[in-house]
Amino acid sequence: MTLAKHPLVNAAYVEDGIQYNADVNVAVAVAMPDGGLITPVLKQADMTDIYSLGRSWKDLVTRARDKQLAPDEYSTGTFTISNLGMMGVTDFVSILPPGTGAILAVAASVPTAALMPNGMMGFVKQMKVTMTCDHRHIYGADAALFLKDLAEVIEKDTQSLLL
């Protein structure tokens, strides 16, 4: 949803300028059992509810590890996510894959002391994300606005992910 709202972040720099993508195809890095990684693609992720994405993701990962993906299932990503949070990594930066404008590095969520809305101190789980962008077309302010809107969806509008 956030990528659809920020088409520049879903775009790629090409020789003749900026290539805007009609679809939001999210590639997610998957470690292969024999080493290396592959990036299966959740096609039209902005048009698919979170439950369907989850089912598709499970199938893609299984077939990726069995080396059963068709080329368009790992080569058509318009934005990439790398998640090392599931391994307890709390901070990292990803390298931008060719043909994309940005990659999001998702770290583990950790209990963090924070000021609560009622003015009291408390603990909340916070997760750090870091975005690497192709600065030929995505400026820091563009990335910051994207991350602000992404945080808004994750923190305050998760219900919209169910539709």
N, C-alpha and C. Protein backbone atom coordinates (compact mmCIF):
# COMPACT_ATOMS: atom_id res chain seq x y z
N MET A 1 0.83 -1.19 0.00
CA MET A 1 0.00 0.00 0.00
C MET A 1 0.87 1.25 0.00
N THR A 2 1.91 1.22 0.80
CA THR A 2 2.78 2.40 0.89
C THR A 2 3.56 2.59 -0.39
N LEU A 3 3.97 1.51 -1.04
CA LEU A 3 4.68 1.63 -2.32
C LEU A 3 3.76 2.22 -3.39
N ALA A 4 2.50 1.83 -3.40
CA ALA A 4 1.56 2.40 -4.38
C ALA A 4 1.40 3.90 -4.16
N LYS A 5 1.48 4.32 -2.91
CA LYS A 5 1.36 5.74 -2.58
C LYS A 5 2.63 6.52 -2.94
N HIS A 6 3.76 5.81 -3.05
CA HIS A 6 5.05 6.44 -3.36
C HIS A 6 5.65 5.77 -4.61
N PRO A 7 5.11 6.06 -5.80
CA PRO A 7 5.57 5.38 -7.01
C PRO A 7 7.06 5.60 -7.33
N LEU A 8 7.63 6.67 -6.86
CA LEU A 8 9.06 6.91 -7.10
C LEU A 8 9.92 5.86 -6.40
N VAL A 9 9.52 5.42 -5.22
CA VAL A 9 10.26 4.40 -4.47
C VAL A 9 10.10 3.04 -5.14
N ASN A 10 9.01 2.84 -5.86
CA ASN A 10 8.74 1.59 -6.58
C ASN A 10 9.32 1.63 -8.00
N ALA A 11 9.99 2.70 -8.34
CA ALA A 11 10.55 2.89 -9.69
C ALA A 11 12.03 2.51 -9.70
N ALA A 12 12.60 2.45 -10.90
CA ALA A 12 14.02 2.13 -11.06
C ALA A 12 14.65 3.12 -12.02
N TYR A 13 15.90 3.43 -11.78
CA TYR A 13 16.65 4.29 -12.69
C TYR A 13 17.16 3.43 -13.84
N VAL A 14 16.88 3.87 -15.06
CA VAL A 14 17.35 3.17 -16.26
C VAL A 14 18.12 4.17 -17.12
N GLU A 15 18.74 3.69 -18.15
CA GLU A 15 19.60 4.53 -18.99
C GLU A 15 18.91 5.79 -19.50
N ASP A 16 17.65 5.68 -19.86
CA ASP A 16 16.93 6.82 -20.43
C ASP A 16 16.21 7.67 -19.40
N GLY A 17 16.31 7.33 -18.12
CA GLY A 17 15.63 8.09 -17.08
C GLY A 17 15.07 7.21 -16.00
N ILE A 18 13.85 7.49 -15.58
CA ILE A 18 13.21 6.74 -14.51
C ILE A 18 12.13 5.84 -15.10
N GLN A 19 12.17 4.56 -14.73
CA GLN A 19 11.15 3.62 -15.16
C GLN A 19 10.15 3.43 -14.03
N TYR A 20 8.96 3.98 -14.20
CA TYR A 20 7.89 3.79 -13.22
C TYR A 20 7.22 2.45 -13.49
N ASN A 21 7.00 1.69 -12.44
CA ASN A 21 6.39 0.36 -12.59
C ASN A 21 4.90 0.43 -12.33
N ALA A 22 4.13 -0.19 -13.21
CA ALA A 22 2.67 -0.22 -13.06
C ALA A 22 2.27 -1.11 -11.88
N ASP A 23 3.04 -2.16 -11.65
CA ASP A 23 2.72 -3.10 -10.57
C ASP A 23 3.64 -2.90 -9.39
N VAL A 24 3.15 -3.27 -8.22
CA VAL A 24 3.96 -3.29 -7.00
C VAL A 24 4.29 -4.76 -6.75
N ASN A 25 5.50 -5.15 -7.14
CA ASN A 25 5.95 -6.54 -7.00
C ASN A 25 7.09 -6.56 -5.98
N VAL A 26 6.79 -7.08 -4.80
CA VAL A 26 7.74 -7.05 -3.70
C VAL A 26 8.56 -8.34 -3.69
N ALA A 27 9.87 -8.18 -3.87
CA ALA A 27 10.80 -9.31 -3.78
C ALA A 27 11.30 -9.39 -2.34
N VAL A 28 11.34 -10.60 -1.81
CA VAL A 28 11.80 -10.80 -0.44
C VAL A 28 12.94 -11.81 -0.45
N ALA A 29 14.06 -11.42 0.13
CA ALA A 29 15.24 -12.28 0.13
C ALA A 29 15.02 -13.55 0.94
N VAL A 30 15.43 -14.68 0.37
CA VAL A 30 15.33 -15.99 1.02
C VAL A 30 16.70 -16.66 0.93
N ALA A 31 17.22 -17.08 2.08
CA ALA A 31 18.50 -17.80 2.11
C ALA A 31 18.28 -19.20 1.56
N MET A 32 19.20 -19.64 0.70
CA MET A 32 19.12 -20.98 0.13
C MET A 32 19.90 -21.96 1.01
N PRO A 33 19.43 -23.20 1.11
CA PRO A 33 20.10 -24.18 1.97
C PRO A 33 21.57 -24.42 1.59
N ASP A 34 21.89 -24.31 0.31
CA ASP A 34 23.26 -24.56 -0.14
C ASP A 34 24.09 -23.28 -0.24
N GLY A 35 23.60 -22.20 0.35
CA GLY A 35 24.29 -20.91 0.31
C GLY A 35 23.66 -19.99 -0.72
N GLY A 36 23.98 -18.70 -0.61
CA GLY A 36 23.39 -17.72 -1.52
C GLY A 36 21.98 -17.37 -1.13
N LEU A 37 21.35 -16.60 -1.99
CA LEU A 37 19.95 -16.24 -1.74
C LEU A 37 19.23 -16.03 -3.04
N ILE A 38 17.93 -16.05 -2.94
CA ILE A 38 17.05 -15.79 -4.07
C ILE A 38 15.95 -14.87 -3.58
N THR A 39 15.34 -14.12 -4.48
CA THR A 39 14.31 -13.16 -4.08
C THR A 39 12.98 -13.46 -4.77
N PRO A 40 12.21 -14.40 -4.23
CA PRO A 40 10.87 -14.65 -4.76
C PRO A 40 10.03 -13.38 -4.69
N VAL A 41 9.10 -13.26 -5.62
CA VAL A 41 8.33 -12.03 -5.77
C VAL A 41 6.86 -12.23 -5.43
N LEU A 42 6.37 -11.37 -4.56
CA LEU A 42 4.94 -11.29 -4.27
C LEU A 42 4.36 -10.28 -5.27
N LYS A 43 3.74 -10.80 -6.31
CA LYS A 43 3.23 -9.93 -7.39
C LYS A 43 1.98 -9.19 -6.96
N GLN A 44 1.89 -7.95 -7.43
CA GLN A 44 0.75 -7.07 -7.14
C GLN A 44 0.42 -7.07 -5.65
N ALA A 45 1.44 -6.89 -4.84
CA ALA A 45 1.29 -6.94 -3.39
C ALA A 45 0.34 -5.88 -2.86
N ASP A 46 0.23 -4.77 -3.55
CA ASP A 46 -0.66 -3.70 -3.10
C ASP A 46 -2.13 -4.03 -3.33
N MET A 47 -2.41 -5.03 -4.13
CA MET A 47 -3.80 -5.40 -4.46
C MET A 47 -4.23 -6.68 -3.75
N THR A 48 -3.36 -7.19 -2.87
CA THR A 48 -3.60 -8.48 -2.25
C THR A 48 -3.64 -8.34 -0.74
N ASP A 49 -4.62 -8.98 -0.10
CA ASP A 49 -4.72 -8.89 1.36
C ASP A 49 -3.59 -9.68 2.02
N ILE A 50 -3.33 -9.39 3.25
CA ILE A 50 -2.20 -9.96 3.97
C ILE A 50 -2.29 -11.48 4.11
N TYR A 51 -3.50 -12.01 4.24
CA TYR A 51 -3.67 -13.46 4.36
C TYR A 51 -3.28 -14.16 3.06
N SER A 52 -3.71 -13.62 1.94
CA SER A 52 -3.35 -14.19 0.64
C SER A 52 -1.86 -14.06 0.38
N LEU A 53 -1.28 -12.93 0.78
CA LEU A 53 0.17 -12.77 0.63
C LEU A 53 0.91 -13.82 1.44
N GLY A 54 0.43 -14.09 2.64
CA GLY A 54 1.06 -15.10 3.49
C GLY A 54 1.02 -16.49 2.86
N ARG A 55 -0.12 -16.86 2.29
CA ARG A 55 -0.24 -18.16 1.63
C ARG A 55 0.68 -18.23 0.42
N SER A 56 0.69 -17.15 -0.38
CA SER A 56 1.56 -17.11 -1.56
C SER A 56 3.02 -17.19 -1.14
N TRP A 57 3.36 -16.49 -0.05
CA TRP A 57 4.74 -16.47 0.40
C TRP A 57 5.21 -17.86 0.82
N LYS A 58 4.38 -18.58 1.54
CA LYS A 58 4.74 -19.93 1.98
C LYS A 58 5.03 -20.81 0.78
N ASP A 59 4.18 -20.75 -0.24
CA ASP A 59 4.38 -21.53 -1.45
C ASP A 59 5.66 -21.12 -2.17
N LEU A 60 5.89 -19.81 -2.31
CA LEU A 60 7.08 -19.32 -3.00
C LEU A 60 8.37 -19.76 -2.31
N VAL A 61 8.41 -19.68 -0.99
CA VAL A 61 9.61 -20.06 -0.25
C VAL A 61 9.90 -21.55 -0.42
N THR A 62 8.86 -22.37 -0.31
CA THR A 62 9.03 -23.82 -0.48
C THR A 62 9.59 -24.12 -1.86
N ARG A 63 8.98 -23.54 -2.88
CA ARG A 63 9.43 -23.81 -4.24
C ARG A 63 10.80 -23.19 -4.53
N ALA A 64 11.11 -22.05 -3.89
CA ALA A 64 12.44 -21.44 -4.06
C ALA A 64 13.52 -22.36 -3.51
N ARG A 65 13.31 -22.89 -2.33
CA ARG A 65 14.31 -23.77 -1.71
C ARG A 65 14.44 -25.09 -2.45
N ASP A 66 13.37 -25.50 -3.17
CA ASP A 66 13.43 -26.70 -4.01
C ASP A 66 13.88 -26.37 -5.44
N LYS A 67 14.22 -25.09 -5.67
CA LYS A 67 14.67 -24.62 -6.99
C LYS A 67 13.62 -24.90 -8.07
N GLN A 68 12.35 -24.58 -7.73
CA GLN A 68 11.24 -24.83 -8.62
C GLN A 68 10.53 -23.56 -9.09
N LEU A 69 11.15 -22.38 -8.90
CA LEU A 69 10.52 -21.13 -9.33
C LEU A 69 10.73 -20.89 -10.81
N ALA A 70 9.72 -20.35 -11.44
CA ALA A 70 9.86 -19.88 -12.81
C ALA A 70 10.62 -18.55 -12.78
N PRO A 71 11.34 -18.21 -13.84
CA PRO A 71 12.13 -16.97 -13.83
C PRO A 71 11.35 -15.72 -13.44
N ASP A 72 10.11 -15.59 -13.89
CA ASP A 72 9.34 -14.39 -13.56
C ASP A 72 8.94 -14.36 -12.08
N GLU A 73 9.12 -15.47 -11.36
CA GLU A 73 8.79 -15.52 -9.94
C GLU A 73 9.95 -15.05 -9.05
N TYR A 74 11.12 -14.79 -9.66
CA TYR A 74 12.24 -14.25 -8.89
C TYR A 74 12.96 -13.10 -9.57
N SER A 75 12.47 -12.68 -10.74
CA SER A 75 13.18 -11.62 -11.47
C SER A 75 12.33 -10.38 -11.74
N THR A 76 11.12 -10.33 -11.21
CA THR A 76 10.22 -9.23 -11.55
C THR A 76 9.94 -8.29 -10.37
N GLY A 77 10.77 -8.34 -9.35
CA GLY A 77 10.57 -7.48 -8.19
C GLY A 77 10.81 -6.01 -8.53
N THR A 78 9.96 -5.15 -7.98
CA THR A 78 10.12 -3.71 -8.18
C THR A 78 10.62 -3.03 -6.91
N PHE A 79 10.64 -3.77 -5.80
CA PHE A 79 11.10 -3.30 -4.49
C PHE A 79 11.51 -4.55 -3.72
N THR A 80 12.55 -4.46 -2.91
CA THR A 80 13.04 -5.65 -2.22
C THR A 80 13.03 -5.45 -0.71
N ILE A 81 12.74 -6.54 0.00
CA ILE A 81 12.80 -6.55 1.46
C ILE A 81 13.79 -7.64 1.88
N SER A 82 14.67 -7.28 2.81
CA SER A 82 15.57 -8.25 3.42
C SER A 82 15.27 -8.26 4.91
N ASN A 83 14.91 -9.43 5.45
CA ASN A 83 14.52 -9.54 6.86
C ASN A 83 15.51 -10.43 7.60
N LEU A 84 16.38 -9.82 8.38
CA LEU A 84 17.26 -10.59 9.25
C LEU A 84 16.78 -10.54 10.70
N GLY A 85 15.66 -9.86 10.92
CA GLY A 85 15.09 -9.77 12.26
C GLY A 85 14.72 -11.12 12.82
N MET A 86 14.28 -12.05 11.97
CA MET A 86 13.91 -13.38 12.43
C MET A 86 15.10 -14.15 12.99
N MET A 87 16.32 -13.66 12.70
CA MET A 87 17.53 -14.28 13.22
C MET A 87 18.11 -13.50 14.40
N GLY A 88 17.33 -12.51 14.88
CA GLY A 88 17.76 -11.73 16.04
C GLY A 88 18.65 -10.55 15.73
N VAL A 89 18.91 -10.29 14.46
CA VAL A 89 19.74 -9.15 14.07
C VAL A 89 18.96 -7.86 14.35
N THR A 90 19.57 -6.93 15.08
CA THR A 90 18.85 -5.72 15.49
C THR A 90 19.18 -4.49 14.64
N ASP A 91 20.15 -4.60 13.73
CA ASP A 91 20.53 -3.44 12.91
C ASP A 91 21.40 -3.91 11.76
N PHE A 92 21.02 -3.59 10.53
CA PHE A 92 21.85 -3.91 9.36
C PHE A 92 21.41 -3.07 8.17
N VAL A 93 22.24 -3.07 7.15
CA VAL A 93 21.97 -2.33 5.92
C VAL A 93 22.08 -3.31 4.76
N SER A 94 21.18 -3.22 3.79
CA SER A 94 21.19 -4.10 2.62
C SER A 94 21.77 -3.39 1.41
N ILE A 95 22.31 -4.18 0.51
CA ILE A 95 22.85 -3.66 -0.75
C ILE A 95 21.73 -3.64 -1.78
N LEU A 96 21.64 -2.57 -2.52
CA LEU A 96 20.59 -2.39 -3.52
C LEU A 96 20.75 -3.37 -4.68
N PRO A 97 19.73 -4.19 -4.95
CA PRO A 97 19.81 -5.11 -6.10
C PRO A 97 19.69 -4.34 -7.42
N PRO A 98 20.33 -4.82 -8.47
CA PRO A 98 20.20 -4.17 -9.78
C PRO A 98 18.75 -4.14 -10.24
N GLY A 99 18.37 -3.08 -10.90
CA GLY A 99 17.03 -2.98 -11.48
C GLY A 99 15.94 -2.52 -10.52
N THR A 100 16.31 -2.19 -9.30
CA THR A 100 15.32 -1.67 -8.36
C THR A 100 15.79 -0.33 -7.82
N GLY A 101 14.87 0.41 -7.25
CA GLY A 101 15.20 1.72 -6.71
C GLY A 101 15.48 1.72 -5.23
N ALA A 102 15.00 0.68 -4.52
CA ALA A 102 15.17 0.68 -3.07
C ALA A 102 15.05 -0.73 -2.50
N ILE A 103 15.68 -0.91 -1.34
CA ILE A 103 15.57 -2.16 -0.59
C ILE A 103 15.40 -1.79 0.88
N LEU A 104 14.54 -2.51 1.56
CA LEU A 104 14.26 -2.26 2.97
C LEU A 104 14.87 -3.38 3.81
N ALA A 105 15.73 -3.02 4.75
CA ALA A 105 16.32 -3.97 5.68
C ALA A 105 15.48 -3.95 6.95
N VAL A 106 14.90 -5.10 7.31
CA VAL A 106 14.03 -5.21 8.46
C VAL A 106 14.75 -5.98 9.57
N ALA A 107 14.91 -5.33 10.71
CA ALA A 107 15.62 -5.93 11.84
C ALA A 107 14.61 -6.47 12.86
N ALA A 108 15.15 -7.11 13.90
CA ALA A 108 14.31 -7.69 14.96
C ALA A 108 13.63 -6.59 15.78
N SER A 109 12.46 -6.91 16.31
CA SER A 109 11.82 -6.00 17.24
C SER A 109 12.36 -6.31 18.64
N VAL A 110 12.63 -5.24 19.38
CA VAL A 110 13.20 -5.40 20.72
C VAL A 110 12.44 -4.52 21.71
N PRO A 111 12.32 -4.96 22.97
CA PRO A 111 11.68 -4.13 23.98
C PRO A 111 12.51 -2.85 24.19
N THR A 112 11.83 -1.71 24.15
CA THR A 112 12.50 -0.42 24.26
C THR A 112 11.71 0.49 25.20
N ALA A 113 12.42 1.19 26.08
CA ALA A 113 11.75 2.16 26.95
C ALA A 113 11.27 3.32 26.09
N ALA A 114 10.04 3.74 26.33
CA ALA A 114 9.46 4.83 25.53
C ALA A 114 8.47 5.62 26.36
N LEU A 115 8.27 6.88 25.97
CA LEU A 115 7.26 7.72 26.59
C LEU A 115 5.92 7.32 26.00
N MET A 116 4.98 6.95 26.85
CA MET A 116 3.67 6.49 26.42
C MET A 116 2.75 7.69 26.20
N PRO A 117 1.64 7.50 25.46
CA PRO A 117 0.71 8.61 25.21
C PRO A 117 0.18 9.26 26.49
N ASN A 118 0.12 8.51 27.60
CA ASN A 118 -0.39 9.06 28.85
C ASN A 118 0.68 9.82 29.64
N GLY A 119 1.89 9.96 29.05
CA GLY A 119 2.97 10.70 29.70
C GLY A 119 3.85 9.85 30.60
N MET A 120 3.50 8.60 30.79
CA MET A 120 4.29 7.69 31.63
C MET A 120 5.31 6.95 30.77
N MET A 121 6.35 6.46 31.42
CA MET A 121 7.32 5.64 30.73
C MET A 121 6.82 4.19 30.70
N GLY A 122 7.15 3.50 29.64
CA GLY A 122 6.76 2.10 29.51
C GLY A 122 7.65 1.42 28.51
N PHE A 123 7.40 0.16 28.27
CA PHE A 123 8.17 -0.59 27.28
C PHE A 123 7.28 -0.93 26.11
N VAL A 124 7.82 -0.76 24.92
CA VAL A 124 7.14 -1.12 23.69
C VAL A 124 8.14 -1.89 22.83
N LYS A 125 7.63 -2.71 21.93
CA LYS A 125 8.52 -3.39 21.00
C LYS A 125 8.74 -2.45 19.82
N GLN A 126 10.00 -2.23 19.49
CA GLN A 126 10.35 -1.40 18.34
C GLN A 126 11.24 -2.18 17.40
N MET A 127 11.04 -1.95 16.12
CA MET A 127 11.81 -2.63 15.09
C MET A 127 12.48 -1.55 14.24
N LYS A 128 13.73 -1.76 13.95
CA LYS A 128 14.46 -0.81 13.12
C LYS A 128 14.40 -1.27 11.67
N VAL A 129 14.08 -0.35 10.79
CA VAL A 129 14.16 -0.62 9.35
C VAL A 129 15.11 0.41 8.75
N THR A 130 15.88 -0.03 7.78
CA THR A 130 16.82 0.85 7.10
C THR A 130 16.59 0.69 5.61
N MET A 131 16.47 1.81 4.90
CA MET A 131 16.22 1.73 3.47
C MET A 131 17.44 2.24 2.71
N THR A 132 17.87 1.44 1.74
CA THR A 132 18.93 1.84 0.82
C THR A 132 18.25 2.21 -0.49
N CYS A 133 18.60 3.39 -1.02
CA CYS A 133 17.94 3.90 -2.23
C CYS A 133 18.95 4.26 -3.30
N ASP A 134 18.50 4.22 -4.53
CA ASP A 134 19.27 4.72 -5.66
C ASP A 134 19.06 6.23 -5.69
N HIS A 135 20.06 6.99 -5.27
CA HIS A 135 19.91 8.44 -5.16
C HIS A 135 19.93 9.16 -6.50
N ARG A 136 20.02 8.44 -7.59
CA ARG A 136 19.88 9.09 -8.89
C ARG A 136 18.43 9.54 -9.10
N HIS A 137 17.49 8.89 -8.42
CA HIS A 137 16.10 9.32 -8.56
C HIS A 137 15.32 9.35 -7.25
N ILE A 138 15.81 8.72 -6.20
CA ILE A 138 15.12 8.75 -4.91
C ILE A 138 15.98 9.55 -3.94
N TYR A 139 15.53 10.73 -3.58
CA TYR A 139 16.27 11.57 -2.64
C TYR A 139 15.93 11.18 -1.21
N GLY A 140 16.75 11.63 -0.27
CA GLY A 140 16.53 11.32 1.13
C GLY A 140 15.14 11.70 1.62
N ALA A 141 14.65 12.84 1.17
CA ALA A 141 13.31 13.29 1.60
C ALA A 141 12.23 12.34 1.08
N ASP A 142 12.40 11.83 -0.14
CA ASP A 142 11.44 10.85 -0.69
C ASP A 142 11.42 9.59 0.17
N ALA A 143 12.62 9.11 0.53
CA ALA A 143 12.73 7.91 1.36
C ALA A 143 12.12 8.16 2.73
N ALA A 144 12.37 9.32 3.30
CA ALA A 144 11.84 9.64 4.63
C ALA A 144 10.32 9.67 4.62
N LEU A 145 9.72 10.25 3.61
CA LEU A 145 8.25 10.28 3.51
C LEU A 145 7.68 8.87 3.37
N PHE A 146 8.35 8.05 2.58
CA PHE A 146 7.92 6.66 2.43
C PHE A 146 7.97 5.94 3.78
N LEU A 147 9.09 6.07 4.49
CA LEU A 147 9.24 5.40 5.78
C LEU A 147 8.25 5.92 6.81
N LYS A 148 7.96 7.21 6.77
CA LYS A 148 6.97 7.79 7.68
C LYS A 148 5.60 7.17 7.43
N ASP A 149 5.21 7.05 6.16
CA ASP A 149 3.92 6.47 5.82
C ASP A 149 3.87 4.97 6.13
N LEU A 150 4.99 4.27 5.92
CA LEU A 150 5.05 2.85 6.25
C LEU A 150 4.87 2.65 7.76
N ALA A 151 5.55 3.46 8.55
CA ALA A 151 5.42 3.37 10.01
C ALA A 151 3.98 3.64 10.43
N GLU A 152 3.34 4.59 9.79
CA GLU A 152 1.95 4.92 10.11
C GLU A 152 1.03 3.71 9.89
N VAL A 153 1.23 3.01 8.78
CA VAL A 153 0.41 1.82 8.50
C VAL A 153 0.69 0.74 9.54
N ILE A 154 1.96 0.47 9.80
CA ILE A 154 2.33 -0.60 10.74
C ILE A 154 1.86 -0.29 12.16
N GLU A 155 2.03 0.95 12.59
CA GLU A 155 1.74 1.31 13.98
C GLU A 155 0.28 1.65 14.24
N LYS A 156 -0.40 2.22 13.25
CA LYS A 156 -1.74 2.77 13.54
C LYS A 156 -2.86 2.32 12.61
N ASP A 157 -2.53 1.63 11.51
CA ASP A 157 -3.58 1.31 10.55
C ASP A 157 -3.46 -0.13 10.06
N THR A 158 -3.12 -1.05 10.94
CA THR A 158 -2.95 -2.44 10.51
C THR A 158 -4.25 -3.04 9.96
N GLN A 159 -5.37 -2.50 10.38
CA GLN A 159 -6.66 -2.97 9.88
C GLN A 159 -6.74 -2.87 8.36
N SER A 160 -6.12 -1.85 7.78
CA SER A 160 -6.17 -1.68 6.31
C SER A 160 -5.45 -2.81 5.58
N LEU A 161 -4.55 -3.52 6.25
CA LEU A 161 -3.83 -4.62 5.63
C LEU A 161 -4.72 -5.85 5.45
N LEU A 162 -5.84 -5.86 6.14
CA LEU A 162 -6.74 -7.02 6.10
C LEU A 162 -7.73 -6.93 4.96
N LEU A 163 -7.84 -5.80 4.32
CA LEU A 163 -8.86 -5.62 3.28
C LEU A 163 -8.40 -6.09 1.94
